[in-house]
N, C-alpha and C. Protein backbone atom coordinates (compact mmCIF):
# COMPACT_ATOMS: atom_id res chain seq x y z
N MET A 1 107.69 82.89 113.81
CA MET A 1 108.84 84.06 113.82
C MET A 1 109.51 84.21 112.22
N ILE A 2 109.11 82.56 111.70
CA ILE A 2 109.41 82.25 110.14
C ILE A 2 108.67 83.29 109.36
N ARG A 3 107.68 83.49 109.47
CA ARG A 3 106.96 84.73 109.16
C ARG A 3 107.20 85.64 108.42
N GLU A 4 107.60 86.59 110.11
CA GLU A 4 108.30 87.82 110.51
C GLU A 4 109.11 87.89 109.69
N ASP A 5 110.49 86.96 109.80
CA ASP A 5 111.85 86.87 109.22
C ASP A 5 111.26 87.13 107.34
N PHE A 6 110.57 86.35 106.84
CA PHE A 6 109.99 86.44 105.51
C PHE A 6 109.59 87.80 105.04
N LEU A 7 108.43 88.16 105.78
CA LEU A 7 108.10 89.61 105.85
C LEU A 7 109.30 90.74 105.42
N LEU A 8 109.76 90.29 107.23
CA LEU A 8 111.34 91.50 106.98
C LEU A 8 112.18 91.39 105.53
N ARG A 9 112.60 90.45 105.28
CA ARG A 9 113.49 90.08 104.09
C ARG A 9 112.93 90.41 103.09
N LEU A 10 111.71 90.10 102.57
CA LEU A 10 110.68 90.99 101.34
C LEU A 10 110.50 92.64 101.36
N ILE A 11 110.61 92.79 102.40
CA ILE A 11 110.61 94.61 102.47
C ILE A 11 112.03 95.10 102.12
N ARG A 12 113.03 94.78 103.04
CA ARG A 12 113.94 94.89 102.68
C ARG A 12 114.47 94.68 101.06
N GLN A 13 114.15 94.03 100.12
CA GLN A 13 114.61 93.90 99.20
C GLN A 13 113.67 94.58 98.36
N VAL A 14 112.60 95.32 98.64
CA VAL A 14 111.36 96.17 98.26
C VAL A 14 112.16 97.10 98.54
N ILE A 15 112.61 97.24 99.57
CA ILE A 15 113.47 98.86 99.97
C ILE A 15 114.26 98.70 99.11
N VAL A 16 115.30 98.21 98.80
CA VAL A 16 116.89 98.21 97.78
C VAL A 16 116.36 98.28 96.36
N ALA A 17 115.23 97.69 96.03
CA ALA A 17 114.21 98.32 94.65
C ALA A 17 114.10 99.74 94.61
N LEU A 18 113.54 100.16 95.50
CA LEU A 18 112.67 101.50 95.56
C LEU A 18 113.83 103.03 95.94
N VAL A 19 114.90 102.34 96.70
CA VAL A 19 116.43 103.37 96.38
C VAL A 19 117.05 103.20 94.77
N GLY A 20 117.27 102.26 94.27
CA GLY A 20 117.77 101.94 93.31
C GLY A 20 116.43 102.95 92.12
N SER A 21 115.50 102.55 92.39
CA SER A 21 114.69 103.36 91.25
C SER A 21 114.79 104.98 91.62
N ARG A 22 114.56 105.75 93.00
CA ARG A 22 114.93 106.35 93.45
C ARG A 22 116.45 107.27 92.79
N ARG A 23 117.57 106.43 92.49
CA ARG A 23 118.38 106.99 92.44
C ARG A 23 118.98 107.29 91.15
N GLN A 24 117.90 106.05 90.21
CA GLN A 24 118.35 106.40 88.24
C GLN A 24 116.91 107.30 88.19
N ARG A 25 115.70 107.98 88.68
CA ARG A 25 114.97 108.55 88.29
C ARG A 25 115.86 110.19 89.14
N GLN A 26 116.94 109.90 89.86
CA GLN A 26 117.49 111.17 89.96
C GLN A 26 118.89 111.78 89.34
N GLU A 27 119.01 110.93 88.40
CA GLU A 27 119.56 110.52 87.33
C GLU A 27 119.31 110.68 85.82
N ALA A 28 118.14 110.99 86.04
CA ALA A 28 117.15 111.40 84.96
C ALA A 28 117.13 109.77 83.83
N ALA A 29 117.57 108.40 84.25
CA ALA A 29 116.97 107.82 84.37
C ALA A 29 115.85 106.86 84.06
N LEU A 30 114.63 107.90 83.72
CA LEU A 30 113.42 107.68 84.18
C LEU A 30 112.83 106.21 83.58
N GLU A 31 113.10 105.54 82.26
CA GLU A 31 113.11 104.98 81.74
C GLU A 31 113.53 103.52 82.43
N GLN A 32 114.81 103.53 82.55
CA GLN A 32 115.46 102.64 83.24
C GLN A 32 114.83 102.35 84.80
N ALA A 33 114.46 103.20 85.35
CA ALA A 33 113.87 103.36 86.80
C ALA A 33 112.74 102.70 87.08
N LEU A 34 111.59 102.78 85.82
CA LEU A 34 110.74 102.04 85.16
C LEU A 34 110.78 100.52 84.99
N ASP A 35 112.14 100.39 84.75
CA ASP A 35 112.48 99.23 83.88
C ASP A 35 112.91 98.26 85.20
N ALA A 36 113.82 98.99 86.14
CA ALA A 36 114.14 98.56 87.34
C ALA A 36 112.94 97.41 88.24
N LEU A 37 111.72 98.57 88.09
CA LEU A 37 110.91 98.43 89.12
C LEU A 37 109.79 97.28 88.39
N ASP A 38 109.86 97.25 87.65
CA ASP A 38 109.09 96.54 86.99
C ASP A 38 109.74 94.44 86.93
N THR A 39 111.08 94.91 86.90
CA THR A 39 112.43 93.72 86.89
C THR A 39 112.13 92.89 88.20
N SER A 40 111.88 94.30 89.32
CA SER A 40 111.74 94.00 90.83
C SER A 40 110.50 93.00 91.15
N GLY A 41 109.73 93.60 90.38
CA GLY A 41 107.92 93.27 90.82
C GLY A 41 107.70 91.52 89.86
N ARG A 42 108.66 91.46 88.88
CA ARG A 42 108.62 89.79 88.41
C ARG A 42 109.75 88.87 89.38
N SER A 43 110.59 89.50 89.71
CA SER A 43 111.38 88.71 90.43
C SER A 43 110.66 88.52 92.05
N LEU A 44 110.32 89.56 92.69
CA LEU A 44 109.52 89.68 94.16
C LEU A 44 108.48 88.88 94.48
N LEU A 45 107.66 89.02 93.13
CA LEU A 45 106.41 88.69 93.05
C LEU A 45 105.80 87.81 92.21
N GLY A 46 106.77 87.57 91.36
CA GLY A 46 106.08 86.54 89.97
C GLY A 46 105.03 87.46 89.20
N LEU A 47 104.85 88.78 89.79
CA LEU A 47 103.51 89.28 88.70
C LEU A 47 104.58 90.70 87.96
N ASP A 48 104.01 90.77 86.61
CA ASP A 48 103.66 92.02 86.17
C ASP A 48 103.37 93.12 86.88
N LEU A 49 104.21 94.24 87.32
CA LEU A 49 103.64 95.60 88.25
C LEU A 49 102.81 95.77 87.15
N GLY A 50 102.62 96.19 85.55
CA GLY A 50 101.35 96.53 85.09
C GLY A 50 100.21 96.01 85.28
N LEU A 51 100.46 94.32 85.45
CA LEU A 51 99.09 93.29 85.35
C LEU A 51 98.44 93.74 86.85
N VAL A 52 99.39 94.00 87.67
CA VAL A 52 99.31 94.35 89.46
C VAL A 52 98.37 95.85 89.45
N ALA A 53 98.47 96.68 88.27
CA ALA A 53 97.90 98.13 88.32
C ALA A 53 96.90 98.34 87.73
N ARG A 54 96.31 96.54 87.27
CA ARG A 54 95.36 96.92 85.84
C ARG A 54 93.77 95.74 86.41
N LEU A 55 94.74 94.68 87.79
CA LEU A 55 93.73 93.81 88.02
C LEU A 55 92.93 94.18 88.73
N PRO A 56 91.29 93.54 88.83
CA PRO A 56 90.45 93.87 89.72
C PRO A 56 91.37 93.36 90.96
N LEU A 57 90.95 94.42 92.12
CA LEU A 57 91.32 94.25 93.48
C LEU A 57 91.13 92.91 94.11
N PRO A 58 89.77 92.33 94.50
CA PRO A 58 89.75 91.15 94.72
C PRO A 58 90.63 89.78 93.54
N THR A 59 90.43 90.04 92.89
CA THR A 59 91.40 88.86 91.45
C THR A 59 92.77 89.10 91.87
N LEU A 60 93.79 90.31 92.26
CA LEU A 60 94.99 90.35 92.32
C LEU A 60 95.30 90.04 94.09
N LEU A 61 94.38 90.17 94.95
CA LEU A 61 94.79 89.44 95.91
C LEU A 61 94.54 88.17 96.24
N ALA A 62 93.79 87.60 95.05
CA ALA A 62 93.90 86.04 95.05
C ALA A 62 95.13 85.34 94.66
N LEU A 63 95.60 85.92 93.51
CA LEU A 63 96.69 86.09 92.53
C LEU A 63 97.80 86.05 94.12
N LEU A 64 97.97 87.09 94.92
CA LEU A 64 98.95 87.44 95.57
C LEU A 64 99.22 86.67 97.19
N SER A 65 97.72 86.26 97.37
CA SER A 65 97.43 85.25 98.93
C SER A 65 96.80 83.83 98.63
N PRO A 66 97.32 82.96 97.67
CA PRO A 66 96.77 81.82 97.18
C PRO A 66 95.65 80.58 98.19
N GLY A 67 96.76 81.13 99.67
CA GLY A 67 95.90 80.45 100.85
C GLY A 67 94.63 81.11 101.00
N GLU A 68 94.27 80.75 102.60
CA GLU A 68 92.98 81.36 102.51
C GLU A 68 92.97 82.55 103.49
N GLU A 69 94.64 82.85 103.70
CA GLU A 69 94.96 84.08 104.79
C GLU A 69 95.41 84.73 103.77
N LEU A 70 95.36 86.35 104.08
CA LEU A 70 95.91 87.17 103.40
C LEU A 70 97.68 86.97 103.48
N ASP A 71 98.50 87.16 102.11
CA ASP A 71 99.96 86.83 102.61
C ASP A 71 99.90 88.51 102.29
N VAL A 72 100.48 89.19 103.74
CA VAL A 72 100.50 90.56 104.18
C VAL A 72 101.53 90.96 103.67
N ALA A 73 102.62 89.95 103.51
CA ALA A 73 104.67 90.16 102.52
C ALA A 73 104.23 90.58 101.10
N ARG A 74 103.49 90.17 100.83
CA ARG A 74 103.13 89.76 99.20
C ARG A 74 102.63 91.00 98.67
N VAL A 75 101.71 90.91 99.35
CA VAL A 75 100.75 92.49 99.25
C VAL A 75 100.96 93.52 99.62
N LEU A 76 102.18 93.88 100.69
CA LEU A 76 102.76 95.13 100.81
C LEU A 76 103.69 95.10 100.03
N ALA A 77 104.16 94.26 99.69
CA ALA A 77 105.47 94.56 98.66
C ALA A 77 105.21 95.07 97.52
N ALA A 78 103.74 94.48 96.95
CA ALA A 78 103.11 95.01 95.63
C ALA A 78 102.92 96.54 95.83
N GLY A 79 102.34 96.92 96.54
CA GLY A 79 101.94 98.11 97.44
C GLY A 79 103.31 98.86 97.12
N LEU A 80 104.36 98.47 97.96
CA LEU A 80 105.30 99.52 97.85
C LEU A 80 106.00 99.70 96.21
N LEU A 81 106.11 98.75 95.64
CA LEU A 81 106.45 98.66 94.27
C LEU A 81 105.40 99.86 94.02
N LEU A 82 104.08 99.31 93.45
CA LEU A 82 103.30 100.17 92.42
C LEU A 82 103.32 101.43 93.12
N ARG A 83 102.96 101.83 94.25
CA ARG A 83 103.17 103.48 94.68
C ARG A 83 104.74 104.08 94.48
N GLU A 84 105.59 103.00 94.37
CA GLU A 84 107.10 104.08 93.39
C GLU A 84 107.01 104.30 91.97
N ARG A 85 106.06 102.51 91.32
CA ARG A 85 106.15 103.02 89.96
C ARG A 85 105.32 104.10 89.49
N GLY A 86 104.03 104.53 90.68
CA GLY A 86 103.16 105.86 90.11
C GLY A 86 104.26 106.66 90.15
N GLU A 87 105.42 106.98 91.09
CA GLU A 87 106.31 108.25 91.06
C GLU A 87 107.15 107.88 90.20
N ALA A 88 107.63 107.01 89.01
CA ALA A 88 108.16 106.79 88.52
C ALA A 88 107.53 107.15 87.50
N LEU A 89 106.51 107.11 86.84
CA LEU A 89 105.41 107.39 85.75
C LEU A 89 104.57 108.97 85.91
N ALA A 90 104.90 109.41 86.75
CA ALA A 90 104.45 111.10 87.20
C ALA A 90 105.83 111.61 86.44
N ALA A 91 107.51 111.06 87.04
CA ALA A 91 108.54 111.49 86.63
C ALA A 91 108.55 111.68 84.73
N LEU A 92 107.94 110.85 84.35
CA LEU A 92 107.87 110.52 83.00
C LEU A 92 106.50 111.02 82.38
N GLY A 93 106.02 111.73 83.03
CA GLY A 93 104.96 113.04 82.44
C GLY A 93 103.20 112.18 82.05
N ARG A 94 103.34 111.14 82.64
CA ARG A 94 102.01 110.34 82.76
C ARG A 94 101.00 110.14 83.90
N GLY A 95 100.56 111.41 84.07
CA GLY A 95 100.01 112.04 85.01
C GLY A 95 98.80 110.77 85.71
N GLU A 96 98.43 111.08 84.72
CA GLU A 96 96.57 109.97 84.81
C GLU A 96 96.86 108.33 85.55
N GLU A 97 98.25 107.58 85.06
CA GLU A 97 98.45 106.73 85.17
C GLU A 97 99.41 106.71 86.37
N ALA A 98 99.96 107.68 86.86
CA ALA A 98 100.76 107.28 88.23
C ALA A 98 99.56 107.70 88.67
N LEU A 99 98.97 108.46 89.02
CA LEU A 99 98.03 108.07 90.04
C LEU A 99 97.29 107.48 90.37
N ALA A 100 96.79 106.75 88.80
CA ALA A 100 96.14 105.47 89.63
C ALA A 100 96.70 104.32 90.09
N GLN A 101 97.99 104.26 89.45
CA GLN A 101 99.19 102.86 90.27
C GLN A 101 99.95 103.42 91.43
N ALA A 102 99.65 104.74 91.91
CA ALA A 102 100.18 105.19 93.19
C ALA A 102 98.78 105.18 93.95
N HIS A 103 97.44 105.29 93.81
CA HIS A 103 96.55 104.73 94.35
C HIS A 103 96.29 103.65 95.01
N ARG A 104 96.62 102.69 93.72
CA ARG A 104 96.30 101.40 93.73
C ARG A 104 97.10 100.95 95.26
N GLY A 105 98.62 101.34 94.43
CA GLY A 105 99.40 100.57 95.40
C GLY A 105 99.36 101.06 97.23
N GLN A 106 99.08 102.43 97.20
CA GLN A 106 98.21 103.02 98.38
C GLN A 106 97.46 101.97 99.08
N ALA A 107 96.25 101.71 98.39
CA ALA A 107 95.24 100.48 98.48
C ALA A 107 95.85 99.31 99.18
N LEU A 108 96.94 99.40 98.56
CA LEU A 108 97.44 97.40 99.16
C LEU A 108 98.48 97.41 100.16
N VAL A 109 99.18 98.98 100.19
CA VAL A 109 99.83 98.73 101.26
C VAL A 109 98.45 99.01 102.47
N ASP A 110 97.82 99.91 102.65
CA ASP A 110 96.60 99.96 104.09
C ASP A 110 96.07 98.59 103.64
N ARG A 111 95.91 97.61 102.78
CA ARG A 111 94.94 96.30 102.89
C ARG A 111 96.40 95.31 104.14
N ALA A 112 97.33 95.62 103.25
CA ALA A 112 98.12 94.71 104.20
C ALA A 112 97.97 95.27 105.92
N LEU A 113 98.66 96.67 105.95
CA LEU A 113 98.75 96.96 107.62
C LEU A 113 97.44 96.73 108.42
N ALA A 114 95.82 96.45 107.47
CA ALA A 114 94.80 96.33 108.12
C ALA A 114 95.00 95.17 108.97
N ALA A 115 95.42 93.83 107.86
CA ALA A 115 95.59 92.71 108.21
C ALA A 115 96.75 92.71 109.52
N ASP A 116 98.02 93.62 109.41
CA ASP A 116 98.73 93.12 110.51
C ASP A 116 99.25 94.78 111.05
N PRO A 117 98.31 95.38 111.89
CA PRO A 117 98.96 96.55 112.63
C PRO A 117 100.22 96.72 112.88
N SER A 118 100.45 95.57 113.22
CA SER A 118 101.59 95.72 114.08
C SER A 118 102.82 96.05 113.28
N LEU A 119 103.08 96.25 111.91
CA LEU A 119 103.69 96.34 111.08
C LEU A 119 103.95 97.61 110.50
N ALA A 120 102.78 98.67 111.28
CA ALA A 120 102.89 100.09 110.58
C ALA A 120 104.52 100.77 111.35
N ALA A 121 104.61 100.48 112.50
CA ALA A 121 105.72 101.54 113.34
C ALA A 121 107.17 101.17 112.49
N GLU A 122 107.04 98.98 112.42
CA GLU A 122 108.22 98.78 111.49
C GLU A 122 108.28 99.10 110.30
N LEU A 123 107.51 98.95 109.37
CA LEU A 123 107.55 99.98 108.18
C LEU A 123 108.43 101.21 108.04
N GLN A 124 107.03 102.20 108.71
CA GLN A 124 107.62 103.62 109.12
C GLN A 124 109.24 103.60 109.14
N ASP A 125 109.77 102.53 110.51
CA ASP A 125 110.94 102.84 110.55
C ASP A 125 112.01 102.69 109.33
N LEU A 126 110.98 101.76 108.67
CA LEU A 126 112.68 100.88 107.72
C LEU A 126 111.75 101.91 106.70
N LEU A 127 111.06 102.49 106.18
CA LEU A 127 111.16 103.75 104.81
C LEU A 127 111.43 104.71 105.06
N ALA A 128 111.83 105.23 106.57
CA ALA A 128 112.15 106.86 106.99
C ALA A 128 113.74 107.38 106.25
N PRO A 129 114.67 106.37 105.92
CA PRO A 129 115.55 106.89 105.21
C PRO A 129 115.32 107.61 103.65
N LEU A 130 114.17 106.76 103.47
CA LEU A 130 113.72 107.14 101.99
C LEU A 130 113.12 108.31 101.87
N GLU A 131 112.17 108.94 102.89
CA GLU A 131 111.89 110.11 103.27
C GLU A 131 112.46 111.32 103.26
N GLY A 132 113.34 111.04 103.61
CA GLY A 132 114.27 111.89 103.94
C GLY A 132 115.00 112.43 102.84
């Protein structure tokens, strides 16, 4: 129960960051959107999203999950933020870097959902307003 509460609270904080980033991109404040995502990554994960994008996956997962068990909340948050960072980079015309970060972000989301498949429907519900 406590773990689920933490997970949902972290996902909601990530969604707030995603909404802010998308609003800034719509206002053509592209660099600010990228900066806001980076700030959110440092605040929520304690890691720079640029580092998250560059680290080998096993090293990154070890940083995000210091215990024996995968920290689904942190891995999911990193994935969602990195996917959004990829979109912000694409809007800045940095296509190759954008694609790499979006793919890395999706890989992290997939890893988190594979570890806890029960999250898929709830995550979809939480993200649905962003898709529309």
